[in-house]
Amino acid sequence: MIDDGDAGFELRNSSGVCGYCLYWWYVTGVGTNGDMYYTYVNTVVDYEARWQPSFPFAGYYEVQVFIPANYATSWQANYWVWHKDGVRITIVDQLGTSNLWLSLGTYRFDAGSNLTLGRINVSDYTQDTDRASKVGVDAVRFIARSRVPLPLIEKP
């Protein structure tokens, strides 16, 4: 698992990695290990959070994100999963699935750390029309799976 305070997690703005990001707010008492970040939704990508795992061995891993109970109110947060076979964008209703681990699917990854083929991003860009909505970020975990999963079927 990579939590928001762990190595492998970073907040970014349009200039790159930021130690203190002006439009990311830190909250305690919520989320895994008692903290999380959030930012307000936008019509363009200005701010993003990135989780960069280091896999102990090559194979299939289920990617799960923790959606905090508070400050995650976007109906359409876009999670990008870069994996060995490409990139997958999954739209998550954070408001409707809060305070639980949510699967983004199972993907193939190489061993070690590979920024191009092994990372998860979420940004402030959503299709939300309410600009008071927030994208919450907390933790991502990777569960090794031994077989190829059935394809993920999405609603139109």
N, C-alpha and C. Protein backbone atom coordinates (compact mmCIF):
# COMPACT_ATOMS: atom_id res chain seq x y z
N MET A 1 0.84 -1.18 0.00
CA MET A 1 0.00 0.00 0.00
C MET A 1 0.89 1.25 0.00
N ILE A 2 0.46 2.24 -0.75
CA ILE A 2 1.12 3.54 -0.74
C ILE A 2 0.10 4.55 -0.24
N ASP A 3 0.36 5.13 0.93
CA ASP A 3 -0.52 6.13 1.51
C ASP A 3 -0.01 7.52 1.10
N ASP A 4 -0.82 8.53 1.38
CA ASP A 4 -0.47 9.89 0.96
C ASP A 4 0.78 10.45 1.63
N GLY A 5 1.29 9.83 2.67
CA GLY A 5 2.52 10.31 3.30
C GLY A 5 3.73 9.44 3.00
N ASP A 6 3.56 8.40 2.19
CA ASP A 6 4.62 7.43 1.93
C ASP A 6 5.50 7.80 0.74
N ALA A 7 6.69 7.19 0.72
CA ALA A 7 7.51 7.27 -0.49
C ALA A 7 6.71 6.61 -1.61
N GLY A 8 6.78 7.17 -2.78
CA GLY A 8 5.99 6.66 -3.90
C GLY A 8 4.73 7.46 -4.14
N PHE A 9 4.44 8.41 -3.25
CA PHE A 9 3.29 9.30 -3.42
C PHE A 9 3.80 10.71 -3.61
N GLU A 10 3.20 11.43 -4.56
CA GLU A 10 3.56 12.83 -4.72
C GLU A 10 2.38 13.64 -5.22
N LEU A 11 2.35 14.90 -4.81
CA LEU A 11 1.40 15.87 -5.32
C LEU A 11 2.10 16.67 -6.39
N ARG A 12 1.36 17.00 -7.45
CA ARG A 12 1.96 17.70 -8.58
C ARG A 12 1.06 18.88 -8.96
N ASN A 13 1.70 19.90 -9.53
CA ASN A 13 0.95 20.97 -10.18
C ASN A 13 1.44 21.07 -11.62
N SER A 14 1.01 22.08 -12.33
CA SER A 14 1.37 22.17 -13.75
C SER A 14 2.87 22.32 -13.97
N SER A 15 3.63 22.70 -12.93
CA SER A 15 5.08 22.83 -13.06
C SER A 15 5.83 21.55 -12.68
N GLY A 16 5.14 20.57 -12.11
CA GLY A 16 5.79 19.32 -11.70
C GLY A 16 5.51 19.03 -10.23
N VAL A 17 6.44 18.32 -9.59
CA VAL A 17 6.29 17.94 -8.19
C VAL A 17 6.32 19.19 -7.32
N CYS A 18 5.44 19.25 -6.35
CA CYS A 18 5.44 20.40 -5.45
C CYS A 18 5.47 19.91 -4.00
N GLY A 19 6.40 20.43 -3.23
CA GLY A 19 6.49 20.08 -1.81
C GLY A 19 5.28 20.61 -1.06
N TYR A 20 4.95 21.86 -1.30
CA TYR A 20 3.74 22.45 -0.76
C TYR A 20 2.94 22.95 -1.95
N CYS A 21 1.83 22.30 -2.22
CA CYS A 21 1.00 22.69 -3.36
C CYS A 21 -0.10 23.61 -2.87
N LEU A 22 -0.17 24.78 -3.45
CA LEU A 22 -1.10 25.81 -3.03
C LEU A 22 -2.55 25.34 -3.02
N TYR A 23 -2.95 24.54 -3.99
CA TYR A 23 -4.36 24.15 -4.08
C TYR A 23 -4.64 22.70 -3.72
N TRP A 24 -3.74 22.07 -2.97
CA TRP A 24 -4.01 20.79 -2.34
C TRP A 24 -4.16 21.06 -0.85
N TRP A 25 -5.26 20.64 -0.27
CA TRP A 25 -5.50 20.85 1.16
C TRP A 25 -5.29 19.55 1.92
N TYR A 26 -4.57 19.63 3.03
CA TYR A 26 -4.26 18.49 3.89
C TYR A 26 -5.28 18.43 5.02
N VAL A 27 -5.83 17.23 5.28
CA VAL A 27 -6.84 17.04 6.31
C VAL A 27 -6.43 15.89 7.20
N THR A 28 -6.59 16.04 8.51
CA THR A 28 -6.31 14.94 9.44
C THR A 28 -7.62 14.41 10.01
N GLY A 29 -7.55 13.21 10.58
CA GLY A 29 -8.73 12.59 11.19
C GLY A 29 -9.62 11.88 10.19
N VAL A 30 -9.16 11.75 8.94
CA VAL A 30 -9.94 11.12 7.88
C VAL A 30 -9.01 10.25 7.05
N GLY A 31 -9.49 9.13 6.54
CA GLY A 31 -8.71 8.30 5.62
C GLY A 31 -7.81 7.29 6.31
N THR A 32 -7.06 6.55 5.48
CA THR A 32 -6.13 5.57 6.02
C THR A 32 -5.00 6.31 6.74
N ASN A 33 -4.56 5.78 7.83
CA ASN A 33 -3.53 6.42 8.68
C ASN A 33 -3.92 7.81 9.15
N GLY A 34 -5.21 8.14 9.06
CA GLY A 34 -5.71 9.38 9.65
C GLY A 34 -5.43 10.66 8.92
N ASP A 35 -5.14 10.60 7.61
CA ASP A 35 -4.95 11.83 6.86
C ASP A 35 -5.22 11.62 5.38
N MET A 36 -5.38 12.73 4.66
CA MET A 36 -5.65 12.71 3.22
C MET A 36 -5.44 14.11 2.66
N TYR A 37 -5.56 14.24 1.35
CA TYR A 37 -5.52 15.53 0.66
C TYR A 37 -6.76 15.66 -0.21
N TYR A 38 -7.11 16.89 -0.54
CA TYR A 38 -8.15 17.12 -1.53
C TYR A 38 -7.86 18.40 -2.29
N THR A 39 -8.48 18.51 -3.48
CA THR A 39 -8.45 19.73 -4.27
C THR A 39 -9.81 19.88 -4.93
N TYR A 40 -10.12 21.08 -5.37
CA TYR A 40 -11.40 21.32 -6.03
C TYR A 40 -11.33 20.89 -7.49
N VAL A 41 -12.47 20.46 -8.03
CA VAL A 41 -12.52 20.00 -9.42
C VAL A 41 -12.28 21.17 -10.36
N ASN A 42 -11.87 20.83 -11.60
CA ASN A 42 -11.55 21.85 -12.58
C ASN A 42 -11.91 21.32 -13.97
N THR A 43 -11.91 22.20 -14.97
CA THR A 43 -12.20 21.79 -16.34
C THR A 43 -10.94 21.46 -17.13
N VAL A 44 -9.78 21.67 -16.51
CA VAL A 44 -8.49 21.31 -17.09
C VAL A 44 -7.63 20.67 -16.00
N VAL A 45 -6.59 19.97 -16.41
CA VAL A 45 -5.69 19.37 -15.42
C VAL A 45 -4.70 20.43 -14.93
N ASP A 46 -4.85 20.83 -13.68
CA ASP A 46 -3.90 21.74 -13.04
C ASP A 46 -3.13 21.03 -11.94
N TYR A 47 -3.80 20.13 -11.23
CA TYR A 47 -3.22 19.47 -10.07
C TYR A 47 -3.51 17.98 -10.14
N GLU A 48 -2.52 17.19 -9.76
CA GLU A 48 -2.72 15.75 -9.74
C GLU A 48 -1.94 15.12 -8.60
N ALA A 49 -2.40 13.94 -8.22
CA ALA A 49 -1.70 13.11 -7.25
C ALA A 49 -1.22 11.88 -8.00
N ARG A 50 -0.03 11.38 -7.60
CA ARG A 50 0.56 10.22 -8.29
C ARG A 50 1.06 9.22 -7.26
N TRP A 51 0.74 7.95 -7.52
CA TRP A 51 1.26 6.84 -6.72
C TRP A 51 2.18 6.02 -7.62
N GLN A 52 3.42 5.85 -7.19
CA GLN A 52 4.45 5.14 -7.97
C GLN A 52 4.91 3.92 -7.18
N PRO A 53 4.34 2.73 -7.46
CA PRO A 53 4.73 1.53 -6.71
C PRO A 53 6.04 0.94 -7.18
N SER A 54 6.60 0.08 -6.35
CA SER A 54 7.72 -0.77 -6.73
C SER A 54 7.26 -2.20 -6.49
N PHE A 55 7.08 -2.94 -7.57
CA PHE A 55 6.53 -4.29 -7.47
C PHE A 55 7.62 -5.31 -7.17
N PRO A 56 7.36 -6.25 -6.24
CA PRO A 56 8.37 -7.25 -5.88
C PRO A 56 8.62 -8.27 -6.99
N PHE A 57 7.62 -8.49 -7.85
CA PHE A 57 7.77 -9.41 -8.97
C PHE A 57 6.80 -9.01 -10.07
N ALA A 58 7.12 -9.40 -11.30
CA ALA A 58 6.24 -9.11 -12.43
C ALA A 58 4.99 -9.98 -12.32
N GLY A 59 3.89 -9.45 -12.78
CA GLY A 59 2.66 -10.23 -12.76
C GLY A 59 1.44 -9.34 -12.75
N TYR A 60 0.32 -9.97 -12.42
CA TYR A 60 -0.97 -9.27 -12.37
C TYR A 60 -1.23 -8.78 -10.95
N TYR A 61 -1.66 -7.53 -10.85
CA TYR A 61 -2.01 -6.92 -9.57
C TYR A 61 -3.35 -6.22 -9.70
N GLU A 62 -4.19 -6.43 -8.70
CA GLU A 62 -5.43 -5.66 -8.62
C GLU A 62 -5.09 -4.32 -7.98
N VAL A 63 -5.55 -3.24 -8.60
CA VAL A 63 -5.30 -1.88 -8.11
C VAL A 63 -6.56 -1.41 -7.39
N GLN A 64 -6.40 -1.05 -6.13
CA GLN A 64 -7.52 -0.54 -5.34
C GLN A 64 -7.17 0.83 -4.77
N VAL A 65 -8.14 1.75 -4.78
CA VAL A 65 -7.96 3.07 -4.19
C VAL A 65 -8.89 3.20 -2.99
N PHE A 66 -8.40 3.90 -1.97
CA PHE A 66 -9.25 4.17 -0.82
C PHE A 66 -9.91 5.52 -1.02
N ILE A 67 -11.24 5.54 -0.94
CA ILE A 67 -12.00 6.78 -1.09
C ILE A 67 -12.38 7.25 0.31
N PRO A 68 -11.82 8.36 0.77
CA PRO A 68 -12.10 8.84 2.12
C PRO A 68 -13.58 9.22 2.31
N ALA A 69 -14.02 9.21 3.57
CA ALA A 69 -15.42 9.49 3.88
C ALA A 69 -15.77 10.97 3.72
N ASN A 70 -14.81 11.85 3.89
CA ASN A 70 -15.06 13.29 3.79
C ASN A 70 -14.13 13.88 2.74
N TYR A 71 -14.52 15.02 2.21
CA TYR A 71 -13.68 15.79 1.28
C TYR A 71 -13.43 15.09 -0.05
N ALA A 72 -14.14 14.03 -0.35
CA ALA A 72 -14.08 13.36 -1.66
C ALA A 72 -15.50 13.37 -2.20
N THR A 73 -15.85 14.45 -2.90
CA THR A 73 -17.25 14.65 -3.30
C THR A 73 -17.46 14.71 -4.81
N SER A 74 -16.42 14.41 -5.58
CA SER A 74 -16.56 14.40 -7.04
C SER A 74 -17.40 13.20 -7.47
N TRP A 75 -18.24 13.44 -8.44
CA TRP A 75 -19.03 12.35 -9.02
C TRP A 75 -18.25 11.66 -10.14
N GLN A 76 -17.18 12.29 -10.62
CA GLN A 76 -16.51 11.78 -11.81
C GLN A 76 -14.99 11.99 -11.76
N ALA A 77 -14.36 11.46 -10.73
CA ALA A 77 -12.90 11.56 -10.63
C ALA A 77 -12.25 10.58 -11.61
N ASN A 78 -11.28 11.07 -12.37
CA ASN A 78 -10.61 10.25 -13.39
C ASN A 78 -9.32 9.66 -12.84
N TYR A 79 -9.28 8.35 -12.70
CA TYR A 79 -8.06 7.64 -12.27
C TYR A 79 -7.41 7.03 -13.51
N TRP A 80 -6.12 7.33 -13.69
CA TRP A 80 -5.34 6.80 -14.81
C TRP A 80 -4.43 5.71 -14.26
N VAL A 81 -4.49 4.53 -14.84
CA VAL A 81 -3.61 3.43 -14.45
C VAL A 81 -2.70 3.11 -15.64
N TRP A 82 -1.39 3.39 -15.48
CA TRP A 82 -0.41 3.03 -16.50
C TRP A 82 0.12 1.65 -16.13
N HIS A 83 0.03 0.71 -17.07
CA HIS A 83 0.44 -0.67 -16.82
C HIS A 83 1.16 -1.20 -18.05
N LYS A 84 1.64 -2.43 -17.97
CA LYS A 84 2.47 -3.01 -19.03
C LYS A 84 1.76 -3.04 -20.39
N ASP A 85 0.45 -3.14 -20.41
CA ASP A 85 -0.29 -3.26 -21.66
C ASP A 85 -0.95 -1.96 -22.12
N GLY A 86 -0.65 -0.85 -21.46
CA GLY A 86 -1.22 0.42 -21.89
C GLY A 86 -1.66 1.29 -20.73
N VAL A 87 -2.71 2.06 -20.96
CA VAL A 87 -3.24 2.93 -19.93
C VAL A 87 -4.75 2.74 -19.88
N ARG A 88 -5.29 2.83 -18.68
CA ARG A 88 -6.73 2.66 -18.49
C ARG A 88 -7.22 3.84 -17.65
N ILE A 89 -8.30 4.48 -18.10
CA ILE A 89 -8.92 5.55 -17.34
C ILE A 89 -10.22 5.01 -16.76
N THR A 90 -10.37 5.13 -15.45
CA THR A 90 -11.59 4.70 -14.78
C THR A 90 -12.20 5.90 -14.08
N ILE A 91 -13.47 6.15 -14.34
CA ILE A 91 -14.17 7.26 -13.70
C ILE A 91 -14.84 6.74 -12.43
N VAL A 92 -14.54 7.40 -11.31
CA VAL A 92 -15.02 6.95 -10.01
C VAL A 92 -15.95 7.99 -9.40
N ASP A 93 -17.09 7.54 -8.93
CA ASP A 93 -18.02 8.37 -8.16
C ASP A 93 -17.53 8.35 -6.71
N GLN A 94 -16.70 9.32 -6.33
CA GLN A 94 -16.15 9.34 -4.98
C GLN A 94 -17.22 9.60 -3.93
N LEU A 95 -18.19 10.43 -4.24
CA LEU A 95 -19.23 10.75 -3.27
C LEU A 95 -20.08 9.51 -2.94
N GLY A 96 -20.37 8.71 -3.95
CA GLY A 96 -21.24 7.54 -3.77
C GLY A 96 -20.52 6.30 -3.26
N THR A 97 -19.18 6.33 -3.20
CA THR A 97 -18.43 5.13 -2.77
C THR A 97 -17.44 5.46 -1.67
N SER A 98 -17.77 6.41 -0.83
CA SER A 98 -16.80 6.86 0.16
C SER A 98 -16.61 5.88 1.31
N ASN A 99 -15.42 6.00 1.92
CA ASN A 99 -14.99 5.23 3.08
C ASN A 99 -14.84 3.74 2.79
N LEU A 100 -14.32 3.43 1.62
CA LEU A 100 -14.06 2.03 1.28
C LEU A 100 -12.98 1.92 0.23
N TRP A 101 -12.46 0.70 0.09
CA TRP A 101 -11.49 0.39 -0.98
C TRP A 101 -12.28 0.06 -2.23
N LEU A 102 -11.91 0.65 -3.35
CA LEU A 102 -12.61 0.46 -4.62
C LEU A 102 -11.62 -0.06 -5.66
N SER A 103 -11.97 -1.13 -6.33
CA SER A 103 -11.09 -1.73 -7.34
C SER A 103 -11.14 -0.94 -8.64
N LEU A 104 -9.96 -0.67 -9.20
CA LEU A 104 -9.85 -0.05 -10.52
C LEU A 104 -9.59 -1.10 -11.59
N GLY A 105 -9.51 -2.38 -11.18
CA GLY A 105 -9.25 -3.47 -12.12
C GLY A 105 -7.94 -4.17 -11.82
N THR A 106 -7.66 -5.20 -12.60
CA THR A 106 -6.43 -5.98 -12.46
C THR A 106 -5.60 -5.80 -13.72
N TYR A 107 -4.31 -5.53 -13.52
CA TYR A 107 -3.42 -5.17 -14.63
C TYR A 107 -2.09 -5.88 -14.48
N ARG A 108 -1.36 -5.96 -15.59
CA ARG A 108 -0.04 -6.58 -15.61
C ARG A 108 1.04 -5.52 -15.43
N PHE A 109 1.97 -5.77 -14.49
CA PHE A 109 3.06 -4.85 -14.21
C PHE A 109 4.38 -5.59 -14.22
N ASP A 110 5.47 -4.88 -14.57
CA ASP A 110 6.83 -5.42 -14.47
C ASP A 110 7.30 -5.31 -13.02
N ALA A 111 8.33 -6.08 -12.69
CA ALA A 111 8.96 -5.98 -11.37
C ALA A 111 9.67 -4.64 -11.26
N GLY A 112 9.78 -4.14 -10.04
CA GLY A 112 10.47 -2.89 -9.79
C GLY A 112 9.57 -1.68 -9.96
N SER A 113 10.21 -0.56 -10.21
CA SER A 113 9.50 0.71 -10.34
C SER A 113 9.69 1.24 -11.75
N ASN A 114 8.60 1.49 -12.45
CA ASN A 114 8.67 1.96 -13.82
C ASN A 114 7.64 3.07 -13.99
N LEU A 115 8.09 4.31 -14.09
CA LEU A 115 7.18 5.45 -14.17
C LEU A 115 6.26 5.38 -15.38
N THR A 116 6.75 4.86 -16.49
CA THR A 116 5.94 4.80 -17.70
C THR A 116 4.90 3.68 -17.63
N LEU A 117 5.27 2.54 -17.09
CA LEU A 117 4.37 1.37 -17.12
C LEU A 117 3.95 0.90 -15.73
N GLY A 118 3.88 1.80 -14.78
CA GLY A 118 3.46 1.38 -13.45
C GLY A 118 3.20 2.54 -12.52
N ARG A 119 2.10 3.26 -12.77
CA ARG A 119 1.74 4.34 -11.86
C ARG A 119 0.24 4.60 -11.94
N ILE A 120 -0.27 5.27 -10.93
CA ILE A 120 -1.68 5.65 -10.87
C ILE A 120 -1.73 7.15 -10.63
N ASN A 121 -2.56 7.85 -11.38
CA ASN A 121 -2.74 9.28 -11.22
C ASN A 121 -4.22 9.59 -11.08
N VAL A 122 -4.53 10.64 -10.36
CA VAL A 122 -5.86 11.24 -10.35
C VAL A 122 -5.63 12.75 -10.35
N SER A 123 -6.48 13.47 -11.04
CA SER A 123 -6.28 14.92 -11.16
C SER A 123 -7.54 15.68 -10.77
N ASP A 124 -7.43 17.00 -10.82
CA ASP A 124 -8.58 17.86 -10.54
C ASP A 124 -9.54 17.93 -11.73
N TYR A 125 -9.12 17.45 -12.88
CA TYR A 125 -9.99 17.48 -14.07
C TYR A 125 -11.09 16.43 -13.93
N THR A 126 -12.34 16.89 -13.96
CA THR A 126 -13.50 15.99 -13.94
C THR A 126 -14.56 16.57 -14.86
N GLN A 127 -15.63 15.83 -15.02
CA GLN A 127 -16.78 16.33 -15.77
C GLN A 127 -17.84 16.89 -14.82
N ASP A 128 -17.50 17.05 -13.54
CA ASP A 128 -18.43 17.63 -12.58
C ASP A 128 -18.78 19.06 -12.98
N THR A 129 -20.05 19.42 -12.89
CA THR A 129 -20.45 20.80 -13.19
C THR A 129 -20.45 21.68 -11.95
N ASP A 130 -20.49 21.07 -10.79
CA ASP A 130 -20.46 21.80 -9.52
C ASP A 130 -19.00 22.04 -9.13
N ARG A 131 -18.52 23.28 -9.26
CA ARG A 131 -17.12 23.59 -8.99
C ARG A 131 -16.77 23.54 -7.50
N ALA A 132 -17.79 23.32 -6.64
CA ALA A 132 -17.52 23.15 -5.21
C ALA A 132 -17.17 21.69 -4.89
N SER A 133 -17.29 20.80 -5.87
CA SER A 133 -16.94 19.39 -5.66
C SER A 133 -15.44 19.25 -5.45
N LYS A 134 -15.06 18.21 -4.72
CA LYS A 134 -13.65 18.00 -4.39
C LYS A 134 -13.21 16.61 -4.83
N VAL A 135 -11.96 16.51 -5.29
CA VAL A 135 -11.32 15.23 -5.56
C VAL A 135 -10.46 14.91 -4.35
N GLY A 136 -10.79 13.82 -3.66
CA GLY A 136 -10.02 13.40 -2.50
C GLY A 136 -9.00 12.34 -2.87
N VAL A 137 -7.82 12.40 -2.24
CA VAL A 137 -6.78 11.40 -2.49
C VAL A 137 -6.24 10.89 -1.16
N ASP A 138 -5.97 9.59 -1.13
CA ASP A 138 -5.49 8.99 0.10
C ASP A 138 -4.50 7.88 -0.22
N ALA A 139 -4.96 6.65 -0.34
CA ALA A 139 -4.06 5.51 -0.48
C ALA A 139 -4.45 4.65 -1.68
N VAL A 140 -3.44 3.95 -2.20
CA VAL A 140 -3.64 2.95 -3.25
C VAL A 140 -2.94 1.67 -2.80
N ARG A 141 -3.57 0.53 -3.04
CA ARG A 141 -2.92 -0.74 -2.73
C ARG A 141 -2.95 -1.64 -3.96
N PHE A 142 -2.00 -2.57 -3.97
CA PHE A 142 -1.79 -3.46 -5.10
C PHE A 142 -1.80 -4.89 -4.57
N ILE A 143 -2.77 -5.69 -5.02
CA ILE A 143 -2.92 -7.05 -4.54
C ILE A 143 -2.52 -8.01 -5.65
N ALA A 144 -1.50 -8.83 -5.40
CA ALA A 144 -1.02 -9.78 -6.42
C ALA A 144 -2.13 -10.78 -6.73
N ARG A 145 -2.33 -11.02 -8.01
CA ARG A 145 -3.33 -11.99 -8.49
C ARG A 145 -2.61 -13.00 -9.35
N SER A 146 -3.00 -14.28 -9.26
CA SER A 146 -2.27 -15.34 -9.95
C SER A 146 -2.84 -15.70 -11.31
N ARG A 147 -4.00 -15.18 -11.64
CA ARG A 147 -4.57 -15.54 -12.93
C ARG A 147 -5.08 -14.31 -13.66
N VAL A 148 -5.36 -14.46 -14.92
CA VAL A 148 -5.88 -13.34 -15.72
C VAL A 148 -7.34 -13.15 -15.38
N PRO A 149 -7.74 -11.92 -15.03
CA PRO A 149 -9.13 -11.67 -14.64
C PRO A 149 -10.04 -11.51 -15.86
N LEU A 150 -11.32 -11.60 -15.63
CA LEU A 150 -12.30 -11.29 -16.67
C LEU A 150 -12.25 -9.80 -16.95
N PRO A 151 -12.61 -9.37 -18.15
CA PRO A 151 -12.54 -7.93 -18.44
C PRO A 151 -13.54 -7.15 -17.59
N LEU A 152 -13.17 -5.92 -17.27
CA LEU A 152 -14.04 -5.03 -16.52
C LEU A 152 -15.11 -4.49 -17.46
N ILE A 153 -16.36 -4.59 -17.06
CA ILE A 153 -17.46 -4.10 -17.87
C ILE A 153 -17.98 -2.82 -17.24
N GLU A 154 -18.01 -1.76 -18.03
CA GLU A 154 -18.45 -0.46 -17.53
C GLU A 154 -19.83 -0.13 -18.06
N LYS A 155 -20.55 0.69 -17.30
CA LYS A 155 -21.84 1.19 -17.76
C LYS A 155 -21.60 2.24 -18.83
N PRO A 156 -22.46 2.31 -19.83
CA PRO A 156 -22.28 3.35 -20.86
C PRO A 156 -22.51 4.73 -20.32
